[in-house]
PDB file of N, CA and C in Angstrom:
ATOM      1  N   UNK A   1       0.816  -1.184   0.017  1.00  0.00           N
ATOM      2  CA  UNK A   1      -0.171  -0.014   0.004  1.00  0.00           C
ATOM      3  C   UNK A   1       0.706   1.149   0.074  1.00  0.00           C
ATOM      4  N   UNK A   2       0.605   2.170  -0.762  1.00  0.00           N
ATOM      5  CA  UNK A   2       1.097   3.598  -0.901  1.00  0.00           C
ATOM      6  C   UNK A   2       1.134   4.205   0.384  1.00  0.00           C
ATOM      7  N   UNK A   3       2.336   4.882   0.918  1.00  0.00           N
ATOM      8  CA  UNK A   3       2.272   5.777   2.109  1.00  0.00           C
ATOM      9  C   UNK A   3       0.982   6.781   1.879  1.00  0.00           C
ATOM     10  N   UNK A   4       0.617   7.108   3.194  1.00  0.00           N
ATOM     11  CA  UNK A   4      -0.471   7.902   3.292  1.00  0.00           C
ATOM     12  C   UNK A   4      -0.207   9.343   2.637  1.00  0.00           C
ATOM     13  N   UNK A   5       1.132   9.720   2.968  1.00  0.00           N
ATOM     14  CA  UNK A   5       1.523  11.145   2.504  1.00  0.00           C
ATOM     15  C   UNK A   5       1.853  11.252   1.072  1.00  0.00           C
ATOM     16  N   UNK A   6       1.864  10.054   0.296  1.00  0.00           N
ATOM     17  CA  UNK A   6       2.159  10.052  -1.174  1.00  0.00           C
ATOM     18  C   UNK A   6       0.904   9.879  -1.979  1.00  0.00           C
ATOM     19  N   UNK A   7      -0.393   9.909  -1.439  1.00  0.00           N
ATOM     20  CA  UNK A   7      -1.545   9.855  -2.229  1.00  0.00           C
ATOM     21  C   UNK A   7      -2.550  11.104  -1.754  1.00  0.00           C
ATOM     22  N   UNK A   8      -3.135  11.413  -2.650  1.00  0.00           N
ATOM     23  CA  UNK A   8      -4.343  12.343  -2.725  1.00  0.00           C
ATOM     24  C   UNK A   8      -5.659  11.785  -2.957  1.00  0.00           C
ATOM     25  N   UNK A   9      -6.529  12.088  -1.947  1.00  0.00           N
ATOM     26  CA  UNK A   9      -7.821  11.673  -2.043  1.00  0.00           C
ATOM     27  C   UNK A   9      -9.107  12.773  -2.101  1.00  0.00           C
ATOM     28  N   UNK A  10     -10.047  12.575  -2.822  1.00  0.00           N
ATOM     29  CA  UNK A  10     -10.988  13.582  -3.273  1.00  0.00           C
ATOM     30  C   UNK A  10     -12.182  12.973  -3.365  1.00  0.00           C
ATOM     31  N   UNK A  11     -13.337  13.776  -3.002  1.00  0.00           N
ATOM     32  CA  UNK A  11     -14.768  13.414  -3.428  1.00  0.00           C
ATOM     33  C   UNK A  11     -15.323  14.491  -4.310  1.00  0.00           C
ATOM     34  N   UNK A  12     -16.000  14.150  -5.146  1.00  0.00           N
ATOM     35  CA  UNK A  12     -16.871  15.095  -5.958  1.00  0.00           C
ATOM     36  C   UNK A  12     -18.247  14.611  -6.072  1.00  0.00           C
ATOM     37  N   UNK A  13     -19.183  15.814  -5.871  1.00  0.00           N
ATOM     38  CA  UNK A  13     -20.497  15.364  -6.010  1.00  0.00           C
ATOM     39  C   UNK A  13     -21.251  16.369  -7.025  1.00  0.00           C
ATOM     40  N   UNK A  14     -22.251  15.675  -7.637  1.00  0.00           N
ATOM     41  CA  UNK A  14     -22.883  16.578  -8.447  1.00  0.00           C
ATOM     42  C   UNK A  14     -24.441  15.896  -8.830  1.00  0.00           C
ATOM     43  N   UNK A  15     -25.724  16.454  -8.478  1.00  0.00           N
ATOM     44  CA  UNK A  15     -26.979  15.979  -8.453  1.00  0.00           C
ATOM     45  C   UNK A  15     -26.885  14.670  -7.491  1.00  0.00           C
ATOM     46  N   UNK A  16     -27.253  13.504  -8.134  1.00  0.00           N
ATOM     47  CA  UNK A  16     -27.093  12.314  -7.455  1.00  0.00           C
ATOM     48  C   UNK A  16     -25.896  11.492  -7.594  1.00  0.00           C
ATOM     49  N   UNK A  17     -24.918  11.912  -8.162  1.00  0.00           N
ATOM     50  CA  UNK A  17     -23.344  11.359  -8.515  1.00  0.00           C
ATOM     51  C   UNK A  17     -22.690  11.663  -7.564  1.00  0.00           C
ATOM     52  N   UNK A  18     -21.900  10.521  -7.244  1.00  0.00           N
ATOM     53  CA  UNK A  18     -20.710  10.695  -6.322  1.00  0.00           C
ATOM     54  C   UNK A  18     -19.477  10.170  -6.994  1.00  0.00           C
ATOM     55  N   UNK A  19     -18.394  10.728  -6.947  1.00  0.00           N
ATOM     56  CA  UNK A  19     -17.105  10.222  -7.388  1.00  0.00           C
ATOM     57  C   UNK A  19     -16.077  10.298  -6.359  1.00  0.00           C
ATOM     58  N   UNK A  20     -15.267   9.336  -6.131  1.00  0.00           N
ATOM     59  CA  UNK A  20     -14.146   9.196  -5.046  1.00  0.00           C
ATOM     60  C   UNK A  20     -13.011   9.017  -5.903  1.00  0.00           C
ATOM     61  N   UNK A  21     -12.022   9.745  -5.830  1.00  0.00           N
ATOM     62  CA  UNK A  21     -10.688   9.860  -6.781  1.00  0.00           C
ATOM     63  C   UNK A  21      -9.611   9.609  -5.764  1.00  0.00           C
ATOM     64  N   UNK A  22      -8.766   8.698  -6.088  1.00  0.00           N
ATOM     65  CA  UNK A  22      -7.357   8.323  -5.414  1.00  0.00           C
ATOM     66  C   UNK A  22      -6.324   8.522  -6.507  1.00  0.00           C
ATOM     67  N   UNK A  23      -5.618   9.372  -6.163  1.00  0.00           N
ATOM     68  CA  UNK A  23      -4.351   9.777  -6.919  1.00  0.00           C
ATOM     69  C   UNK A  23      -3.015   9.349  -6.309  1.00  0.00           C
ATOM     70  N   UNK A  24      -2.063   8.656  -7.028  1.00  0.00           N
ATOM     71  CA  UNK A  24      -0.865   8.404  -6.276  1.00  0.00           C
ATOM     72  C   UNK A  24       0.199   8.075  -7.217  1.00  0.00           C
ATOM     73  N   UNK A  25       1.566   8.190  -6.804  1.00  0.00           N
ATOM     74  CA  UNK A  25       2.555   7.853  -7.915  1.00  0.00           C
ATOM     75  C   UNK A  25       2.501   6.753  -8.694  1.00  0.00           C
ATOM     76  N   UNK A  26       2.617   6.697  -9.891  1.00  0.00           N
ATOM     77  CA  UNK A  26       2.584   5.515 -10.714  1.00  0.00           C
ATOM     78  C   UNK A  26       3.054   5.886 -12.119  1.00  0.00           C
ATOM     79  N   UNK A  27       2.332   4.949 -13.039  1.00  0.00           N
ATOM     80  CA  UNK A  27       2.531   4.876 -14.539  1.00  0.00           C
ATOM     81  C   UNK A  27       1.690   5.556 -15.253  1.00  0.00           C
ATOM     82  N   UNK A  28       0.774   6.231 -14.794  1.00  0.00           N
ATOM     83  CA  UNK A  28      -0.179   6.847 -15.622  1.00  0.00           C
ATOM     84  C   UNK A  28      -1.434   6.043 -15.808  1.00  0.00           C
ATOM     85  N   UNK A  29      -1.529   4.994 -15.113  1.00  0.00           N
ATOM     86  CA  UNK A  29      -2.777   4.280 -15.302  1.00  0.00           C
ATOM     87  C   UNK A  29      -4.043   4.503 -14.651  1.00  0.00           C
ATOM     88  N   UNK A  30      -5.115   4.524 -15.425  1.00  0.00           N
ATOM     89  CA  UNK A  30      -6.441   4.737 -14.827  1.00  0.00           C
ATOM     90  C   UNK A  30      -7.379   3.735 -14.698  1.00  0.00           C
ATOM     91  N   UNK A  31      -8.234   3.636 -13.704  1.00  0.00           N
ATOM     92  CA  UNK A  31      -9.038   2.636 -13.265  1.00  0.00           C
ATOM     93  C   UNK A  31     -10.424   3.338 -12.506  1.00  0.00           C
ATOM     94  N   UNK A  32     -11.508   2.908 -13.456  1.00  0.00           N
ATOM     95  CA  UNK A  32     -12.877   3.590 -13.153  1.00  0.00           C
ATOM     96  C   UNK A  32     -13.844   2.498 -12.891  1.00  0.00           C
ATOM     97  N   UNK A  33     -14.169   2.348 -11.467  1.00  0.00           N
ATOM     98  CA  UNK A  33     -14.879   1.119 -11.076  1.00  0.00           C
ATOM     99  C   UNK A  33     -14.524  -0.082 -11.332  1.00  0.00           C
ATOM    100  N   UNK A  34     -12.932  -0.194 -11.298  1.00  0.00           N
ATOM    101  CA  UNK A  34     -12.398  -1.423 -11.740  1.00  0.00           C
ATOM    102  C   UNK A  34     -12.145  -1.679 -13.181  1.00  0.00           C
ATOM    103  N   UNK A  35     -12.515  -0.765 -13.859  1.00  0.00           N
ATOM    104  CA  UNK A  35     -12.362  -0.924 -15.537  1.00  0.00           C
ATOM    105  C   UNK A  35     -11.269   0.035 -16.056  1.00  0.00           C
ATOM    106  N   UNK A  36     -10.501  -0.088 -17.086  1.00  0.00           N
ATOM    107  CA  UNK A  36      -9.472   0.884 -17.676  1.00  0.00           C
ATOM    108  C   UNK A  36     -10.458   2.023 -18.310  1.00  0.00           C
ATOM    109  N   UNK A  37      -9.844   2.994 -18.326  1.00  0.00           N
ATOM    110  CA  UNK A  37     -10.363   4.343 -18.703  1.00  0.00           C
ATOM    111  C   UNK A  37     -10.852   4.007 -20.271  1.00  0.00           C
ATOM    112  N   UNK A  38     -10.334   3.492 -21.128  1.00  0.00           N
ATOM    113  CA  UNK A  38     -10.723   3.279 -22.401  1.00  0.00           C
ATOM    114  C   UNK A  38     -12.036   2.427 -22.632  1.00  0.00           C
ATOM    115  N   UNK A  39     -12.205   1.396 -21.560  1.00  0.00           N
ATOM    116  CA  UNK A  39     -13.367   0.537 -21.514  1.00  0.00           C
ATOM    117  C   UNK A  39     -14.474   1.301 -20.975  1.00  0.00           C
ATOM    118  N   UNK A  40     -14.288   2.084 -19.906  1.00  0.00           N
ATOM    119  CA  UNK A  40     -15.511   2.799 -19.215  1.00  0.00           C
ATOM    120  C   UNK A  40     -15.843   3.900 -20.144  1.00  0.00           C
ATOM    121  N   UNK A  41     -15.071   4.636 -20.823  1.00  0.00           N
ATOM    122  CA  UNK A  41     -15.310   5.553 -21.635  1.00  0.00           C
ATOM    123  C   UNK A  41     -14.875   5.441 -23.085  1.00  0.00           C
ATOM    124  N   UNK A  42     -15.700   4.774 -23.904  1.00  0.00           N
ATOM    125  CA  UNK A  42     -15.079   4.282 -25.190  1.00  0.00           C
ATOM    126  C   UNK A  42     -14.811   5.449 -26.125  1.00  0.00           C
ATOM    127  N   UNK A  43     -15.572   6.641 -25.839  1.00  0.00           N
ATOM    128  CA  UNK A  43     -15.542   7.984 -26.852  1.00  0.00           C
ATOM    129  C   UNK A  43     -14.038   8.626 -26.359  1.00  0.00           C
ATOM    130  N   UNK A  44     -13.347   8.656 -27.757  1.00  0.00           N
ATOM    131  CA  UNK A  44     -12.098   9.481 -27.465  1.00  0.00           C
ATOM    132  C   UNK A  44     -12.156  10.767 -26.841  1.00  0.00           C
ATOM    133  N   UNK A  45     -13.274  11.671 -26.974  1.00  0.00           N
ATOM    134  CA  UNK A  45     -13.512  12.870 -26.794  1.00  0.00           C
ATOM    135  C   UNK A  45     -13.752  12.938 -25.163  1.00  0.00           C
ATOM    136  N   UNK A  46     -14.358  11.893 -24.598  1.00  0.00           N
ATOM    137  CA  UNK A  46     -14.497  11.780 -23.369  1.00  0.00           C
ATOM    138  C   UNK A  46     -12.874  11.396 -22.425  1.00  0.00           C
ATOM    139  N   UNK A  47     -12.281  10.603 -23.101  1.00  0.00           N
ATOM    140  CA  UNK A  47     -10.955  10.189 -22.492  1.00  0.00           C
ATOM    141  C   UNK A  47     -10.107  11.294 -22.497  1.00  0.00           C
ATOM    142  N   UNK A  48     -10.145  12.078 -23.640  1.00  0.00           N
ATOM    143  CA  UNK A  48      -9.323  13.309 -23.546  1.00  0.00           C
ATOM    144  C   UNK A  48      -9.407  14.356 -22.537  1.00  0.00           C
ATOM    145  N   UNK A  49     -10.891  14.438 -22.395  1.00  0.00           N
ATOM    146  CA  UNK A  49     -11.417  15.470 -21.478  1.00  0.00           C
ATOM    147  C   UNK A  49     -11.039  15.264 -19.942  1.00  0.00           C
ATOM    148  N   UNK A  50     -11.036  13.838 -19.884  1.00  0.00           N
ATOM    149  CA  UNK A  50     -10.651  13.311 -18.414  1.00  0.00           C
ATOM    150  C   UNK A  50      -8.988  13.639 -18.251  1.00  0.00           C
ATOM    151  N   UNK A  51      -8.364  13.204 -19.137  1.00  0.00           N
ATOM    152  CA  UNK A  51      -6.842  13.170 -18.990  1.00  0.00           C
ATOM    153  C   UNK A  51      -6.506  14.812 -18.964  1.00  0.00           C
ATOM    154  N   UNK A  52      -7.061  15.662 -19.573  1.00  0.00           N
ATOM    155  CA  UNK A  52      -6.708  16.996 -19.731  1.00  0.00           C
ATOM    156  C   UNK A  52      -5.870  17.588 -18.703  1.00  0.00           C
ATOM    157  N   UNK A  53      -6.456  17.636 -17.431  1.00  0.00           N
ATOM    158  CA  UNK A  53      -6.104  18.413 -16.299  1.00  0.00           C
ATOM    159  C   UNK A  53      -4.376  18.040 -16.076  1.00  0.00           C
ATOM    160  N   UNK A  54      -4.260  16.564 -16.120  1.00  0.00           N
ATOM    161  CA  UNK A  54      -2.581  16.184 -15.829  1.00  0.00           C
ATOM    162  C   UNK A  54      -1.976  16.434 -16.970  1.00  0.00           C
ATOM    163  N   UNK A  55      -2.399  16.495 -18.109  1.00  0.00           N
ATOM    164  CA  UNK A  55      -1.570  16.917 -19.458  1.00  0.00           C
ATOM    165  C   UNK A  55      -1.319  18.604 -19.249  1.00  0.00           C
ATOM    166  N   UNK A  56      -2.147  19.208 -19.025  1.00  0.00           N
ATOM    167  CA  UNK A  56      -1.924  20.526 -18.828  1.00  0.00           C
ATOM    168  C   UNK A  56      -0.980  20.815 -17.827  1.00  0.00           C
ATOM    169  N   UNK A  57      -0.755  20.354 -16.691  1.00  0.00           N
ATOM    170  CA  UNK A  57       0.009  20.575 -15.809  1.00  0.00           C
ATOM    171  C   UNK A  57       1.480  19.584 -15.690  1.00  0.00           C
ATOM    172  N   UNK A  58       1.548  19.096 -16.924  1.00  0.00           N
ATOM    173  CA  UNK A  58       2.672  18.171 -17.369  1.00  0.00           C
ATOM    174  C   UNK A  58       2.985  17.129 -16.188  1.00  0.00           C
ATOM    175  N   UNK A  59       1.830  16.501 -15.743  1.00  0.00           N
ATOM    176  CA  UNK A  59       1.947  15.538 -14.844  1.00  0.00           C
ATOM    177  C   UNK A  59       1.453  14.137 -15.304  1.00  0.00           C
ATOM    178  N   UNK A  60       0.889  13.920 -16.589  1.00  0.00           N
ATOM    179  CA  UNK A  60       0.619  12.805 -17.223  1.00  0.00           C
ATOM    180  C   UNK A  60       1.415  11.707 -17.140  1.00  0.00           C
ATOM    181  N   UNK A  61       1.238  10.507 -16.837  1.00  0.00           N
ATOM    182  CA  UNK A  61       2.284   9.518 -16.893  1.00  0.00           C
ATOM    183  C   UNK A  61       3.062   9.342 -15.654  1.00  0.00           C
ATOM    184  N   UNK A  62       2.858  10.153 -14.575  1.00  0.00           N
ATOM    185  CA  UNK A  62       3.519  10.177 -13.342  1.00  0.00           C
ATOM    186  C   UNK A  62       2.537   9.802 -12.234  1.00  0.00           C
ATOM    187  N   UNK A  63       1.199   9.631 -12.470  1.00  0.00           N
ATOM    188  CA  UNK A  63       0.379   9.272 -11.483  1.00  0.00           C
ATOM    189  C   UNK A  63      -0.547   8.242 -11.962  1.00  0.00           C
ATOM    190  N   UNK A  64      -0.909   7.328 -11.025  1.00  0.00           N
ATOM    191  CA  UNK A  64      -2.005   6.509 -11.273  1.00  0.00           C
ATOM    192  C   UNK A  64      -3.316   7.004 -10.753  1.00  0.00           C
ATOM    193  N   UNK A  65      -4.434   6.793 -11.124  1.00  0.00           N
ATOM    194  CA  UNK A  65      -5.710   7.308 -10.783  1.00  0.00           C
ATOM    195  C   UNK A  65      -6.820   6.295 -10.521  1.00  0.00           C
ATOM    196  N   UNK A  66      -7.297   6.028  -9.535  1.00  0.00           N
ATOM    197  CA  UNK A  66      -8.447   5.091  -9.245  1.00  0.00           C
ATOM    198  C   UNK A  66      -9.694   6.035  -8.718  1.00  0.00           C
ATOM    199  N   UNK A  67     -10.631   5.481  -9.606  1.00  0.00           N
ATOM    200  CA  UNK A  67     -11.972   6.252  -9.347  1.00  0.00           C
ATOM    201  C   UNK A  67     -13.140   5.367  -9.149  1.00  0.00           C
ATOM    202  N   UNK A  68     -13.970   5.649  -8.194  1.00  0.00           N
ATOM    203  CA  UNK A  68     -15.164   4.994  -7.721  1.00  0.00           C
ATOM    204  C   UNK A  68     -16.239   5.931  -7.918  1.00  0.00           C
ATOM    205  N   UNK A  69     -17.280   5.676  -9.068  1.00  0.00           N
ATOM    206  CA  UNK A  69     -18.481   6.412  -9.194  1.00  0.00           C
ATOM    207  C   UNK A  69     -19.612   5.603  -9.062  1.00  0.00           C
ATOM    208  N   UNK A  70     -20.642   6.381  -8.484  1.00  0.00           N
ATOM    209  CA  UNK A  70     -22.155   6.040  -8.187  1.00  0.00           C
ATOM    210  C   UNK A  70     -23.000   7.005  -8.601  1.00  0.00           C
ATOM    211  N   UNK A  71     -24.022   6.677  -9.552  1.00  0.00           N
ATOM    212  CA  UNK A  71     -25.215   7.443  -9.844  1.00  0.00           C
ATOM    213  C   UNK A  71     -24.864   8.206 -11.279  1.00  0.00           C
ATOM    214  N   UNK A  72     -25.596   8.888 -11.361  1.00  0.00           N
ATOM    215  CA  UNK A  72     -25.427   9.810 -12.661  1.00  0.00           C
ATOM    216  C   UNK A  72     -25.388   8.827 -14.137  1.00  0.00           C
ATOM    217  N   UNK A  73     -24.742   9.485 -15.268  1.00  0.00           N
ATOM    218  CA  UNK A  73     -24.552   8.654 -16.456  1.00  0.00           C
ATOM    219  C   UNK A  73     -23.110   8.698 -16.767  1.00  0.00           C
ATOM    220  N   UNK A  74     -22.980   8.323 -17.832  1.00  0.00           N
ATOM    221  CA  UNK A  74     -21.728   8.398 -18.419  1.00  0.00           C
ATOM    222  C   UNK A  74     -21.016   9.569 -18.776  1.00  0.00           C
ATOM    223  N   UNK A  75     -21.814  10.674 -19.381  1.00  0.00           N
ATOM    224  CA  UNK A  75     -21.654  11.929 -19.551  1.00  0.00           C
ATOM    225  C   UNK A  75     -21.915  12.829 -18.457  1.00  0.00           C
TER     226      UNK A  75
END
């Protein structure tokens, strides 16, 4: 398990949806509800929008992201 100081955890809410995000040092792998990013979001435009914050801050490929989502839809 990654040391507590090396990971960041956050919760986001909108209407009935809740997303819990865990960010920690890694190789840039994404997991959403246990599935890879490309499997959970097959549209390339969705994938690009999700990865954009890490790309803009030049942090892509340096962190793994695990997300648990409940409620809402894909978009």
